[in-house]
Amino acid sequence: MLYLFVSDGCSCFPDGNWLECCNQHDKLYQQGGSPIQRKSADIGLLCCVAGKGHPIIAFIMYLGVRVAGLSWLPTPFRWGFGIGKHHRNGTKGRNSNNA
């Protein structure tokens, strides 16, 4: 069951001109998937932020999501956070077919 999409922006990082990159990354993280899909999502974040003119910040963010986004960690921004689990605010969301 996939819940209504919720983003907190750039989790544990300032929301700069790369906020849209973080929101897209959150959408992919909500859905979860294979380890290859996770790495692809993380590389997408890296490329998006670097494309906004911040290659060093992009690399720091990439390292952060590779470590802190593991699905088995008890974080609200982990890989697959929206699949049959509680939302970031601690409550279950509504079922959403188009998130």
C-alpha atoms as a PDB file:
ATOM      1  CA  MET A   1       0.000   0.000   0.000  1.00  0.00           C
ATOM      2  CA  LEU A   2       1.438   3.359  -1.046  1.00  0.00           C
ATOM      3  CA  TYR A   3       0.424   6.369   1.008  1.00  0.00           C
ATOM      4  CA  LEU A   4      -0.184   9.966  -0.015  1.00  0.00           C
ATOM      5  CA  PHE A   5       3.088  11.643  -0.938  1.00  0.00           C
ATOM      6  CA  VAL A   6       4.618  13.845   1.727  1.00  0.00           C
ATOM      7  CA  SER A   7       7.979  15.604   1.422  1.00  0.00           C
ATOM      8  CA  ASP A   8      10.000  17.434   4.034  1.00  0.00           C
ATOM      9  CA  GLY A   9      12.201  19.044   1.416  1.00  0.00           C
ATOM     10  CA  CYS A  10      15.898  18.323   1.795  1.00  0.00           C
ATOM     11  CA  SER A  11      15.874  16.095   4.874  1.00  0.00           C
ATOM     12  CA  CYS A  12      18.490  17.221   7.418  1.00  0.00           C
ATOM     13  CA  PHE A  13      19.899  19.693   4.885  1.00  0.00           C
ATOM     14  CA  PRO A  14      19.052  23.321   4.027  1.00  0.00           C
ATOM     15  CA  ASP A  15      16.502  23.836   1.256  1.00  0.00           C
ATOM     16  CA  GLY A  16      18.452  25.843  -1.332  1.00  0.00           C
ATOM     17  CA  ASN A  17      17.771  26.356  -5.026  1.00  0.00           C
ATOM     18  CA  TRP A  18      17.947  22.549  -5.226  1.00  0.00           C
ATOM     19  CA  LEU A  19      14.639  21.987  -3.360  1.00  0.00           C
ATOM     20  CA  GLU A  20      12.917  20.557  -6.453  1.00  0.00           C
ATOM     21  CA  CYS A  21      15.729  17.978  -6.668  1.00  0.00           C
ATOM     22  CA  CYS A  22      15.002  16.892  -3.085  1.00  0.00           C
ATOM     23  CA  ASN A  23      11.250  16.704  -3.698  1.00  0.00           C
ATOM     24  CA  GLN A  24      11.768  14.446  -6.723  1.00  0.00           C
ATOM     25  CA  HIS A  25      14.195  12.311  -4.709  1.00  0.00           C
ATOM     26  CA  ASP A  26      11.594  12.035  -1.911  1.00  0.00           C
ATOM     27  CA  LYS A  27       8.979  10.797  -4.410  1.00  0.00           C
ATOM     28  CA  LEU A  28      11.302   8.015  -5.485  1.00  0.00           C
ATOM     29  CA  TYR A  29      12.247   7.195  -1.876  1.00  0.00           C
ATOM     30  CA  GLN A  30       8.598   6.984  -0.879  1.00  0.00           C
ATOM     31  CA  GLN A  31       8.000   4.295  -3.499  1.00  0.00           C
ATOM     32  CA  GLY A  32      11.094   2.264  -2.696  1.00  0.00           C
ATOM     33  CA  GLY A  33      12.199  -0.609  -4.898  1.00  0.00           C
ATOM     34  CA  SER A  34      15.390  -2.481  -5.641  1.00  0.00           C
ATOM     35  CA  PRO A  35      18.890  -1.460  -4.534  1.00  0.00           C
ATOM     36  CA  ILE A  36      19.612  -0.495  -8.147  1.00  0.00           C
ATOM     37  CA  GLN A  37      16.566   1.812  -8.171  1.00  0.00           C
ATOM     38  CA  ARG A  38      17.737   3.402  -4.914  1.00  0.00           C
ATOM     39  CA  LYS A  39      21.211   4.039  -6.297  1.00  0.00           C
ATOM     40  CA  SER A  40      19.648   5.507  -9.448  1.00  0.00           C
ATOM     41  CA  ALA A  41      17.498   7.848  -7.325  1.00  0.00           C
ATOM     42  CA  ASP A  42      20.560   8.939  -5.354  1.00  0.00           C
ATOM     43  CA  ILE A  43      22.596   9.548  -8.512  1.00  0.00           C
ATOM     44  CA  GLY A  44      19.649  11.529  -9.860  1.00  0.00           C
ATOM     45  CA  LEU A  45      19.789  13.759  -6.778  1.00  0.00           C
ATOM     46  CA  LEU A  46      23.544  14.180  -7.218  1.00  0.00           C
ATOM     47  CA  CYS A  47      23.177  15.171 -10.874  1.00  0.00           C
ATOM     48  CA  CYS A  48      20.230  17.492 -10.241  1.00  0.00           C
ATOM     49  CA  VAL A  49      21.940  19.437  -7.439  1.00  0.00           C
ATOM     50  CA  ALA A  50      25.231  19.567  -9.370  1.00  0.00           C
ATOM     51  CA  GLY A  51      23.247  20.843 -12.358  1.00  0.00           C
ATOM     52  CA  LYS A  52      22.049  23.726 -10.206  1.00  0.00           C
ATOM     53  CA  GLY A  53      25.695  24.784  -9.854  1.00  0.00           C
ATOM     54  CA  HIS A  54      26.566  23.061  -6.566  1.00  0.00           C
ATOM     55  CA  PRO A  55      28.776  20.030  -7.298  1.00  0.00           C
ATOM     56  CA  ILE A  56      30.368  19.897  -3.830  1.00  0.00           C
ATOM     57  CA  ILE A  57      27.014  20.161  -2.047  1.00  0.00           C
ATOM     58  CA  ALA A  58      25.666  17.534  -4.448  1.00  0.00           C
ATOM     59  CA  PHE A  59      28.410  15.100  -3.478  1.00  0.00           C
ATOM     60  CA  ILE A  60      27.862  15.728   0.244  1.00  0.00           C
ATOM     61  CA  MET A  61      24.126  15.129  -0.196  1.00  0.00           C
ATOM     62  CA  TYR A  62      24.828  11.973  -2.200  1.00  0.00           C
ATOM     63  CA  LEU A  63      27.016  10.571   0.561  1.00  0.00           C
ATOM     64  CA  GLY A  64      24.341  11.477   3.118  1.00  0.00           C
ATOM     65  CA  VAL A  65      21.501   9.696   1.339  1.00  0.00           C
ATOM     66  CA  ARG A  66      23.642   6.637   0.630  1.00  0.00           C
ATOM     67  CA  VAL A  67      24.325   6.251   4.364  1.00  0.00           C
ATOM     68  CA  ALA A  68      21.156   7.583   6.013  1.00  0.00           C
ATOM     69  CA  GLY A  69      18.600   6.349   3.479  1.00  0.00           C
ATOM     70  CA  LEU A  70      18.991   2.622   4.088  1.00  0.00           C
ATOM     71  CA  SER A  71      15.583   0.932   4.267  1.00  0.00           C
ATOM     72  CA  TRP A  72      16.306  -0.822   7.573  1.00  0.00           C
ATOM     73  CA  LEU A  73      17.198   2.349   9.464  1.00  0.00           C
ATOM     74  CA  PRO A  74      14.406   3.759  11.675  1.00  0.00           C
ATOM     75  CA  THR A  75      14.417   7.131   9.913  1.00  0.00           C
ATOM     76  CA  PRO A  76      11.356   8.835   8.449  1.00  0.00           C
ATOM     77  CA  PHE A  77      13.234   9.437   5.172  1.00  0.00           C
ATOM     78  CA  ARG A  78      14.489   5.875   4.573  1.00  0.00           C
ATOM     79  CA  TRP A  79      14.131   4.064   1.248  1.00  0.00           C
ATOM     80  CA  GLY A  80      10.517   2.937   0.838  1.00  0.00           C
ATOM     81  CA  PHE A  81       9.174   5.186   3.622  1.00  0.00           C
ATOM     82  CA  GLY A  82       5.702   5.378   2.058  1.00  0.00           C
ATOM     83  CA  ILE A  83       5.028   1.677   1.571  1.00  0.00           C
ATOM     84  CA  GLY A  84       2.731   0.348   4.262  1.00  0.00           C
ATOM     85  CA  LYS A  85       4.555   2.367   6.879  1.00  0.00           C
ATOM     86  CA  HIS A  86       3.895   5.485   8.864  1.00  0.00           C
ATOM     87  CA  HIS A  87       4.408   8.866   7.292  1.00  0.00           C
ATOM     88  CA  ARG A  88       7.054  11.316   8.359  1.00  0.00           C
ATOM     89  CA  ASN A  89       4.617  12.998  10.719  1.00  0.00           C
ATOM     90  CA  GLY A  90       3.954   9.678  12.482  1.00  0.00           C
ATOM     91  CA  THR A  91       0.461   9.051  11.102  1.00  0.00           C
ATOM     92  CA  LYS A  92      -0.685   6.799   8.332  1.00  0.00           C
ATOM     93  CA  GLY A  93      -1.726   8.642   5.202  1.00  0.00           C
ATOM     94  CA  ARG A  94      -4.528   7.914   2.804  1.00  0.00           C
ATOM     95  CA  ASN A  95      -4.019   5.336   0.089  1.00  0.00           C
ATOM     96  CA  SER A  96      -2.889   7.090  -3.043  1.00  0.00           C
ATOM     97  CA  ASN A  97      -2.802   5.503  -6.480  1.00  0.00           C
ATOM     98  CA  ASN A  98      -1.148   8.448  -8.207  1.00  0.00           C
ATOM     99  CA  ALA A  99       1.622   9.479  -5.834  1.00  0.00           C
END
